[in-house]
C-alpha cells in the first residue's frame, strides 16, 4: 500500500536510497547526476560529512526548543555569520523552515513596519510578471506566474505586476541593455503613480529569476534604478534570493552583483543545502528599530522557526560557502559550465538563449532561433525533456510557460558546487541525449 499524497497522482517516482556527492542513487541502484540540485537546493551535494556530523552532534545536545521560550547556540551562530556576510545595512535574521515561509515573513514584516510608523494606508505590493516567490497564499500573490496563480486568485492579497527584466524577449532592436533596463525599471514609477505611492508597501523581485523563467539576470543598472524609485517614494525593496542566493550565482548574496542593498532579503534552499529544512528573512536595522521602538512584537511565527538542528546544519553550510571557499568555487565552475553549455548548445537550432550567473544557468528552447518563436504549449516539451533526461540518468529542471505563463520552454541547471569538470561533461552528454530524443 502507498499512502503518500504525491505531487502528481498519476506518477510513481523511484525511491531515493542514497546520496553520493553529486549523485542520487535509487533502490534499483541507478545513479542520477543531480544537474539541478533538486530545485537549486543541494549546493554541497548529497553526502557532505561535515554537515551530517553537525546534525548528529546537535541531536546529541538538544533537537528542539520552541522560540517562544528559548533561543539556541546554533541559531545565534548562524545569524551572526549571515549578518557578517550580508549586504551593508542588513542587521537582523528571522529564521524559518523554507522559502515560502521566508517570503511570508517578509511580506508581514513589511506591512507591520508601516503600521508601527503610523502609515496604515500602505496595503499593496508590486512585483513582476513571470516571477515566483513561493506557494503559500501571500507568496503566491506576489508571484507573477499565471498558471500557478489562477486557481487561487480569489484568495490572494492585493498585488500588481509590472514587466520582468527579460533581455532576450523584452529588449527592442537597437536598444542597449542599459536603456532597456531603465525603461522596464521605470514601469515601477508608472505603477506607483497609478496606485498612489502612499498606498504601496514594497516592491518584490528576484535578482535572478529562477523557476518560472530559467535563470534570467537583470541587465546592468536595472536594480540601481529600482532602488532609486523605492527610496524616492519611501517604499521597501524586498529581494527574494530563495533560489538564486547563498552562492548560487557566484556571490553569497545575488544582489551583490547588482550593487544594491535591499531592505529585506529572503533566503532558503542553498542555506541548508538540503540537509535540513531551513530558510531566513533578513532585514535592515531601520526596520528592526521600528518594531523595537514600537510594539516590540513581530506578530508572526511558526512552530519550527530557529530549529536547533536545522540551524546547526545551516551554520556549517554557510561556513563552507564563505570561509570554506565554496562560493568562489561556484563562480569558477560556473564559468566552466557556461563554456560547456555554449560549446554543446550554442549553435543548436532549438536553443534560443543561454543565460544565467555562476552555477545557475538556463537554456530557452525555441522552434525557430531567428524569430524566437516558441514551441506550442500543447507539445508539453518541457515535460518530455524532464522524463527523457531522468531516463538518461540526469536530474534537471525543465519548465513551461517561460514567456507568459503559458508559452515557452526552458531548462534550468543548478548543479552542486562540488561538481567536477568531468561531471559537467557528463551533464552535457546526458542533456544532449535527452534533447535529441524529444526535439523535432
Protein backbone atom coordinates (compact mmCIF):
# COMPACT_ATOMS: atom_id res chain seq x y z
CA UNK A 1 0.00 0.00 0.00
CA UNK A 2 1.09 3.55 -0.71
CA UNK A 3 -0.43 6.32 1.37
CA UNK A 4 1.84 9.19 0.30
CA UNK A 5 -0.02 12.07 -1.34
CA UNK A 6 2.41 12.66 -4.23
CA UNK A 7 2.96 15.78 -6.30
CA UNK A 8 1.12 14.07 -9.15
CA UNK A 9 -1.28 11.21 -8.53
CA UNK A 10 -0.57 9.61 -11.91
CA UNK A 11 3.21 9.34 -11.41
CA UNK A 12 5.11 6.97 -9.17
CA UNK A 13 8.67 8.23 -8.76
CA UNK A 14 11.51 5.89 -7.84
CA UNK A 15 12.66 5.76 -4.23
CA UNK A 16 15.83 7.69 -3.44
CA UNK A 17 18.02 5.42 -1.33
CA UNK A 18 21.44 7.04 -1.04
CA UNK A 19 23.37 10.19 -1.82
CA UNK A 20 26.89 10.14 -3.19
CA UNK A 21 28.37 13.58 -3.85
CA UNK A 22 26.67 14.97 -6.95
CA UNK A 23 24.60 11.80 -7.43
CA UNK A 24 21.39 10.32 -6.07
CA UNK A 25 21.03 6.53 -6.16
CA UNK A 26 17.62 4.85 -6.20
CA UNK A 27 16.67 1.49 -4.71
CA UNK A 28 17.39 -0.28 -8.01
CA UNK A 29 20.96 1.01 -7.92
CA UNK A 30 20.52 3.52 -10.76
CA UNK A 31 22.64 6.66 -10.39
CA UNK A 32 21.33 10.10 -11.31
CA UNK A 33 23.60 13.10 -11.77
CA UNK A 34 21.87 15.94 -9.93
CA UNK A 35 22.21 18.66 -12.54
CA UNK A 36 19.73 20.97 -10.85
CA UNK A 37 20.45 20.40 -7.17
CA UNK A 38 16.84 19.22 -6.93
CA UNK A 39 15.41 22.73 -7.20
CA UNK A 40 18.71 24.64 -6.75
CA UNK A 41 18.97 23.25 -3.21
CA UNK A 42 21.84 20.75 -2.93
CA UNK A 43 24.78 23.12 -3.34
CA UNK A 44 27.16 20.81 -1.42
CA UNK A 45 25.95 17.55 -2.92
CA UNK A 46 24.26 14.73 -1.06
CA UNK A 47 26.88 13.32 1.30
CA UNK A 48 28.81 16.14 2.96
CA UNK A 49 30.29 14.62 6.16
CA UNK A 50 30.74 17.93 8.00
CA UNK A 51 27.11 18.95 7.68
CA UNK A 52 25.91 15.46 8.56
CA UNK A 53 28.12 15.38 11.65
CA UNK A 54 26.83 18.79 12.75
CA UNK A 55 23.27 17.48 12.64
CA UNK A 56 24.21 14.38 14.60
CA UNK A 57 26.13 16.40 17.14
CA UNK A 58 23.27 18.81 17.72
CA UNK A 59 20.84 15.92 18.13
CA UNK A 60 23.03 14.69 20.97
CA UNK A 61 22.67 18.08 22.69
CA UNK A 62 19.09 19.25 22.07
CA UNK A 63 16.95 18.74 18.99
CA UNK A 64 14.18 21.28 19.58
CA UNK A 65 13.45 24.25 21.81
CA UNK A 66 10.47 26.47 20.99
CA UNK A 67 11.47 30.08 20.29
CA UNK A 68 8.61 31.30 22.44
CA UNK A 69 10.76 30.19 25.37
CA UNK A 70 14.38 29.81 24.22
CA UNK A 71 16.99 30.76 21.68
CA UNK A 72 19.80 28.31 20.86
CA UNK A 73 23.51 28.48 20.26
CA UNK A 74 23.26 27.23 16.64
CA UNK A 75 20.64 29.86 15.84
CA UNK A 76 22.75 32.63 17.35
CA UNK A 77 25.88 31.49 15.48
CA UNK A 78 24.05 31.22 12.18
CA UNK A 79 22.51 34.68 12.49
CA UNK A 80 25.88 36.23 13.35
CA UNK A 81 27.54 34.50 10.40
CA UNK A 82 24.85 35.59 7.95
CA UNK A 83 24.90 39.22 9.05
CA UNK A 84 28.70 39.28 8.87
CA UNK A 85 28.46 38.45 5.16
CA UNK A 86 25.19 40.21 4.31
CA UNK A 87 24.79 43.40 2.26
CA UNK A 88 25.51 46.62 4.14
CA UNK A 89 22.69 47.63 6.46
CA UNK A 90 21.22 44.15 6.89
CA UNK A 91 21.32 43.54 10.62
CA UNK A 92 18.72 41.02 11.79
CA UNK A 93 17.86 37.43 10.86
CA UNK A 94 14.45 35.79 11.29
CA UNK A 95 14.86 32.03 10.90
CA UNK A 96 12.14 29.92 9.29
CA UNK A 97 11.81 26.49 7.68
CA UNK A 98 11.78 27.24 3.95
CA UNK A 99 11.47 29.72 1.13
CA UNK A 100 7.72 30.30 1.12
CA UNK A 101 7.83 30.88 4.88
CA UNK A 102 10.66 33.37 4.40
CA UNK A 103 8.64 35.35 1.85
CA UNK A 104 5.51 35.28 4.01
CA UNK A 105 7.56 36.63 6.92
CA UNK A 106 8.98 39.37 4.68
CA UNK A 107 5.55 40.50 3.49
CA UNK A 108 4.11 40.57 7.01
CA UNK A 109 7.12 42.36 8.45
CA UNK A 110 6.93 44.98 5.69
CA UNK A 111 3.27 45.63 6.46
CA UNK A 112 3.88 45.78 10.21
CA UNK A 113 6.80 48.16 9.68
CA UNK A 114 4.45 50.74 8.21
CA UNK A 115 1.83 50.12 10.89
CA UNK A 116 4.47 50.83 13.54
CA UNK A 117 5.32 54.05 11.66
CA UNK A 118 1.70 55.19 11.54
CA UNK A 119 1.10 54.53 7.82
CA UNK A 120 -1.76 52.00 7.81
CA UNK A 121 -2.89 53.10 4.34
CA UNK A 122 0.00 51.15 2.81
CA UNK A 123 -1.64 47.85 1.87
CA UNK A 124 -0.36 46.92 -1.59
CA UNK A 125 2.64 45.18 -3.10
CA UNK A 126 4.12 45.48 -6.57
CA UNK A 127 6.04 42.61 -8.15
CA UNK A 128 6.87 41.37 -11.64
CA UNK A 129 5.20 39.11 -14.17
CA UNK A 130 6.83 35.69 -14.53
CA UNK A 131 8.28 35.80 -11.04
CA UNK A 132 8.00 33.07 -8.44
CA UNK A 133 8.05 33.73 -4.71
CA UNK A 134 6.58 30.58 -3.19
CA UNK A 135 3.37 28.58 -2.89
CA UNK A 136 1.76 29.88 0.30
CA UNK A 137 -1.00 32.38 -0.40
CA UNK A 138 0.93 35.57 0.31
CA UNK A 139 3.97 34.42 -1.61
CA UNK A 140 1.78 33.18 -4.46
CA UNK A 141 0.05 36.57 -4.57
CA UNK A 142 3.31 38.39 -5.18
CA UNK A 143 4.43 35.78 -7.68
CA UNK A 144 3.65 36.60 -11.27
CA UNK A 145 3.25 33.19 -12.90
CA UNK A 146 -0.22 32.97 -14.40
CA UNK A 147 -0.96 29.24 -14.26
CA UNK A 148 0.24 28.91 -10.65
CA UNK A 149 -1.92 31.84 -9.54
CA UNK A 150 -5.12 31.16 -11.46
CA UNK A 151 -6.83 28.53 -9.23
CA UNK A 152 -6.25 30.56 -6.07
CA UNK A 153 -6.69 34.10 -7.39
CA UNK A 154 -9.85 34.82 -5.31
CA UNK A 155 -7.88 34.19 -2.12
CA UNK A 156 -4.90 36.42 -2.80
CA UNK A 157 -3.63 39.69 -1.32
CA UNK A 158 -3.64 42.81 -3.47
CA UNK A 159 -0.59 42.80 -5.75
CA UNK A 160 0.02 44.33 -9.15
CA UNK A 161 2.70 43.19 -11.59
CA UNK A 162 4.98 45.05 -13.98
CA UNK A 163 7.24 43.69 -16.72
CA UNK A 164 10.20 41.49 -15.86
CA UNK A 165 13.71 42.48 -16.87
CA UNK A 166 13.93 39.82 -19.58
CA UNK A 167 16.60 40.86 -22.03
CA UNK A 168 16.13 38.02 -24.53
CA UNK A 169 12.44 38.70 -25.02
CA UNK A 170 11.97 42.31 -23.94
CA UNK A 171 14.80 44.37 -25.37
CA UNK A 172 13.95 46.09 -28.64
CA UNK A 173 16.12 46.17 -31.77
CA UNK A 174 18.75 48.91 -31.43
CA UNK A 175 18.11 49.36 -27.71
CA UNK A 176 21.13 48.99 -25.43
CA UNK A 177 20.85 46.68 -22.42
CA UNK A 178 21.24 49.69 -20.13
CA UNK A 179 18.48 51.66 -21.87
CA UNK A 180 16.22 48.63 -21.78
CA UNK A 181 16.85 48.20 -18.04
CA UNK A 182 15.96 51.82 -17.33
CA UNK A 183 12.80 51.55 -19.43
CA UNK A 184 11.40 48.50 -17.65
CA UNK A 185 12.52 49.75 -14.22
CA UNK A 186 10.57 52.95 -14.89
CA UNK A 187 7.41 50.84 -15.10
CA UNK A 188 7.63 50.75 -11.31
CA UNK A 189 7.35 54.55 -11.23
CA UNK A 190 4.35 54.40 -13.54
CA UNK A 191 2.60 51.78 -11.43
CA UNK A 192 3.27 53.75 -8.25
CA UNK A 193 1.69 56.82 -9.80
CA UNK A 194 -1.31 54.79 -10.93
CA UNK A 195 -1.88 53.30 -7.46
CA UNK A 196 -0.74 56.24 -5.39
CA UNK A 197 2.71 55.66 -3.89
CA UNK A 198 1.39 56.27 -0.37
CA UNK A 199 -0.66 53.03 -0.67
CA UNK A 200 2.28 50.75 -1.55
CA UNK A 201 4.30 48.73 0.96
CA UNK A 202 7.09 47.25 -1.15
CA UNK A 203 8.42 46.09 -4.48
CA UNK A 204 9.31 42.38 -4.56
CA UNK A 205 11.72 40.83 -7.07
CA UNK A 206 14.20 38.00 -7.64
CA UNK A 207 17.67 39.32 -8.57
CA UNK A 208 17.97 36.35 -10.95
CA UNK A 209 14.58 34.87 -11.86
CA UNK A 210 14.61 31.13 -11.28
CA UNK A 211 11.93 28.51 -11.78
CA UNK A 212 9.42 30.42 -13.90
CA UNK A 213 11.79 31.97 -16.44
CA UNK A 214 15.03 29.98 -16.28
CA UNK A 215 17.93 31.90 -14.68
CA UNK A 216 17.18 35.35 -16.06
CA UNK A 217 19.51 38.03 -14.61
CA UNK A 218 18.74 41.72 -14.71
CA UNK A 219 20.68 43.90 -17.15
CA UNK A 220 23.25 46.35 -15.73
CA UNK A 221 21.73 49.31 -13.90
CA UNK A 222 18.21 47.90 -13.59
CA UNK A 223 18.21 47.33 -9.85
CA UNK A 224 20.03 50.60 -9.22
CA UNK A 225 17.09 52.42 -10.82
CA UNK A 226 14.61 50.26 -8.90
CA UNK A 227 16.36 51.17 -5.65
CA UNK A 228 16.21 54.86 -6.53
CA UNK A 229 12.47 54.70 -7.22
CA UNK A 230 11.78 52.84 -3.98
CA UNK A 231 13.77 55.40 -1.99
CA UNK A 232 12.05 58.33 -3.70
CA UNK A 233 8.64 57.10 -2.57
CA UNK A 234 9.58 55.54 0.76
CA UNK A 235 8.61 52.01 -0.22
CA UNK A 236 10.62 48.95 0.75
CA UNK A 237 12.69 46.80 -1.61
CA UNK A 238 12.28 43.08 -0.90
CA UNK A 239 14.67 40.84 -2.81
CA UNK A 240 13.81 37.15 -2.99
CA UNK A 241 17.03 35.13 -3.09
CA UNK A 242 15.48 31.84 -2.05
CA UNK A 243 16.67 30.18 -5.27
CA UNK A 244 19.45 32.45 -6.55
CA UNK A 245 21.14 33.26 -3.23
CA UNK A 246 23.65 31.52 -0.97
CA UNK A 247 26.46 31.38 -3.51
CA UNK A 248 24.40 30.03 -6.39
CA UNK A 249 25.24 32.92 -8.73
CA UNK A 250 28.90 33.20 -7.65
CA UNK A 251 28.47 35.63 -4.73
CA UNK A 252 26.91 34.73 -1.39
CA UNK A 253 24.01 37.12 -1.99
CA UNK A 254 22.97 37.51 -5.62
CA UNK A 255 22.24 41.23 -5.20
CA UNK A 256 25.95 41.89 -4.59
CA UNK A 257 26.46 41.70 -8.36
CA UNK A 258 23.85 44.41 -8.91
CA UNK A 259 25.46 46.61 -6.22
CA UNK A 260 22.21 47.21 -4.35
CA UNK A 261 21.15 46.63 -0.77
CA UNK A 262 17.56 45.57 -0.13
CA UNK A 263 15.55 46.45 2.94
CA UNK A 264 14.56 42.80 3.30
CA UNK A 265 16.09 39.73 1.66
CA UNK A 266 14.84 36.14 1.78
CA UNK A 267 17.00 33.02 1.57
CA UNK A 268 16.45 29.25 1.82
CA UNK A 269 17.32 26.29 -0.47
CA UNK A 270 21.13 26.58 -0.50
CA UNK A 271 21.10 27.87 3.08
CA UNK A 272 20.60 24.33 4.32
CA UNK A 273 21.88 22.64 1.14
CA UNK A 274 19.06 20.11 1.52
CA UNK A 275 20.34 18.63 4.77
CA UNK A 276 17.64 20.29 6.86
CA UNK A 277 14.54 22.38 6.02
CA UNK A 278 15.61 25.93 6.80
CA UNK A 279 15.20 29.45 5.48
CA UNK A 280 15.60 33.01 6.68
CA UNK A 281 14.26 36.51 6.27
CA UNK A 282 16.91 39.18 6.86
CA UNK A 283 16.04 42.84 7.39
CA UNK A 284 17.71 46.19 7.85
CA UNK A 285 18.50 47.74 11.21
CA UNK A 286 15.97 50.50 10.42
CA UNK A 287 13.10 48.03 10.08
CA UNK A 288 14.09 46.22 13.24
CA UNK A 289 14.39 49.53 15.09
CA UNK A 290 10.82 50.48 14.12
CA UNK A 291 9.47 47.28 15.68
CA UNK A 292 11.74 47.60 18.71
CA UNK A 293 10.70 51.20 19.37
CA UNK A 294 7.03 50.43 18.78
CA UNK A 295 5.12 47.35 19.88
CA UNK A 296 8.30 45.28 20.20
CA UNK A 297 6.39 42.25 18.95
CA UNK A 298 6.56 40.92 15.39
CA UNK A 299 3.10 39.41 15.01
CA UNK A 300 4.22 36.27 13.21
CA UNK A 301 5.74 32.88 13.96
CA UNK A 302 5.83 29.15 13.23
CA UNK A 303 6.49 26.19 15.50
CA UNK A 304 9.78 25.14 13.95
CA UNK A 305 11.45 28.52 13.37
CA UNK A 306 15.03 28.63 14.60
CA UNK A 307 15.12 24.82 14.91
CA UNK A 308 18.48 23.96 16.53
CA UNK A 309 19.30 21.00 14.25
CA UNK A 310 18.39 22.97 11.13
CA UNK A 311 20.50 25.91 12.31
CA UNK A 312 23.45 23.68 13.15
CA UNK A 313 23.38 22.29 9.62
CA UNK A 314 22.94 25.71 8.01
CA UNK A 315 25.76 27.22 10.04
CA UNK A 316 28.21 24.66 8.66
CA UNK A 317 26.84 25.19 5.15
CA UNK A 318 27.34 28.97 5.34
CA UNK A 319 30.81 28.46 6.82
CA UNK A 320 31.69 26.28 3.82
CA UNK A 321 30.19 28.79 1.40
CA UNK A 322 32.23 31.65 2.86
CA UNK A 323 35.43 30.72 4.71
CA UNK A 324 35.47 27.33 3.01
CA UNK A 325 35.59 28.90 -0.46
CA UNK A 326 32.62 27.10 -1.98
CA UNK A 327 31.01 30.31 -3.26
CA UNK A 328 34.27 31.17 -5.03
CA UNK A 329 34.26 27.65 -6.45
CA UNK A 330 30.70 28.18 -7.68
CA UNK A 331 31.88 31.26 -9.58
CA UNK A 332 34.82 29.38 -11.15
CA UNK A 333 32.86 26.26 -12.03
CA UNK A 334 30.03 28.44 -13.25
CA UNK A 335 32.37 29.73 -15.94
CA UNK A 336 33.22 26.13 -16.86
CA UNK A 337 29.52 25.26 -17.01
CA UNK A 338 28.75 28.30 -19.14
CA UNK A 339 31.52 27.47 -21.61
CA UNK A 340 30.36 23.85 -21.82
CA UNK A 341 26.77 24.94 -22.49
CA UNK A 342 27.83 27.26 -25.29
CA UNK A 343 30.10 24.62 -26.79
CA UNK A 344 27.37 21.98 -26.69
CA UNK A 345 24.28 24.06 -27.49
CA UNK A 346 25.39 27.50 -28.68
CA UNK A 347 24.57 26.65 -32.29
CA UNK A 348 21.70 24.29 -31.61
CA UNK A 349 18.75 25.19 -33.85
CA UNK A 350 16.31 24.94 -30.94
CA UNK A 351 18.29 26.77 -28.25
CA UNK A 352 17.45 30.46 -28.43
CA UNK A 353 19.24 31.73 -25.34
CA UNK A 354 21.82 30.53 -22.82
CA UNK A 355 21.85 32.72 -19.73
CA UNK A 356 22.45 32.99 -16.00
CA UNK A 357 25.23 33.54 -13.49
CA UNK A 358 27.57 31.20 -11.64
CA UNK A 359 26.08 27.75 -11.11
CA UNK A 360 22.63 28.98 -12.10
CA UNK A 361 22.08 28.61 -15.84
CA UNK A 362 19.12 28.39 -18.19
CA UNK A 363 18.54 27.37 -21.78
CA UNK A 364 15.45 28.71 -23.53
CA UNK A 365 14.11 26.34 -26.18
CA UNK A 366 12.55 27.70 -29.37
CA UNK A 367 11.05 26.31 -32.53
CA UNK A 368 12.88 28.96 -34.60
CA UNK A 369 16.06 30.75 -33.49
CA UNK A 370 15.64 33.63 -35.93
CA UNK A 371 12.10 34.58 -34.92
CA UNK A 372 12.34 33.31 -31.31
CA UNK A 373 9.04 31.52 -31.91
CA UNK A 374 8.40 29.11 -29.01
CA UNK A 375 7.15 25.57 -29.32
CA UNK A 376 3.41 25.15 -28.95
CA UNK A 377 2.29 24.63 -25.35
CA UNK A 378 0.31 21.58 -26.39
CA UNK A 379 3.51 19.68 -27.09
CA UNK A 380 4.41 19.59 -23.40
CA UNK A 381 8.05 19.77 -24.47
CA UNK A 382 9.43 20.55 -21.01
CA UNK A 383 7.67 17.54 -19.52
CA UNK A 384 9.02 15.22 -22.20
CA UNK A 385 12.52 16.62 -21.76
CA UNK A 386 12.44 16.13 -17.99
CA UNK A 387 11.38 12.50 -18.45
CA UNK A 388 13.99 11.83 -21.14
CA UNK A 389 16.77 13.35 -19.03
CA UNK A 390 15.69 11.33 -16.00
CA UNK A 391 15.72 8.17 -18.10
CA UNK A 392 19.27 9.05 -19.17
CA UNK A 393 20.31 9.45 -15.52
CA UNK A 394 20.18 13.24 -15.28
CA UNK A 395 18.13 15.37 -12.91
CA UNK A 396 17.43 18.77 -14.48
CA UNK A 397 14.65 21.33 -14.12
CA UNK A 398 12.70 21.98 -17.35
CA UNK A 399 9.65 24.19 -17.09
CA UNK A 400 6.96 25.56 -19.40
CA UNK A 401 5.22 28.92 -19.64
CA UNK A 402 8.53 30.75 -19.75
CA UNK A 403 7.25 33.75 -21.71
CA UNK A 404 3.84 34.48 -20.22
CA UNK A 405 2.86 31.55 -18.02
CA UNK A 406 1.57 29.59 -20.99
CA UNK A 407 4.03 29.73 -23.89
CA UNK A 408 7.70 28.89 -23.92
CA UNK A 409 10.00 26.19 -22.54
CA UNK A 410 13.31 26.34 -20.72
CA UNK A 411 15.74 24.09 -18.87
CA UNK A 412 17.18 25.27 -15.55
CA UNK A 413 20.54 23.88 -14.40
CA UNK A 414 21.88 24.36 -10.88
CA UNK A 415 24.45 21.65 -10.13
CA UNK A 416 26.15 21.22 -6.75
CA UNK A 417 29.17 23.48 -6.29
CA UNK A 418 31.31 20.36 -5.78
CA UNK A 419 30.71 19.22 -9.37
CA UNK A 420 33.85 18.37 -11.37
CA UNK A 421 34.71 19.21 -14.96
CA UNK A 422 34.19 15.55 -15.90
CA UNK A 423 30.73 15.65 -14.34
CA UNK A 424 29.91 18.81 -16.28
CA UNK A 425 30.87 16.86 -19.39
CA UNK A 426 28.57 14.05 -18.28
CA UNK A 427 25.79 16.59 -17.77
CA UNK A 428 26.24 17.90 -21.32
CA UNK A 429 26.20 14.37 -22.78
CA UNK A 430 23.06 13.33 -20.92
CA UNK A 431 21.24 16.59 -21.66
CA UNK A 432 22.14 16.22 -25.35
CA UNK A 433 20.78 12.68 -25.31
CA UNK A 434 17.51 13.91 -23.82
CA UNK A 435 17.17 16.83 -26.22
CA UNK A 436 17.85 14.62 -29.22
CA UNK A 437 15.14 12.28 -28.01
CA UNK A 438 12.38 14.89 -27.72
CA UNK A 439 13.15 17.78 -30.07
CA UNK A 440 11.65 17.53 -33.58
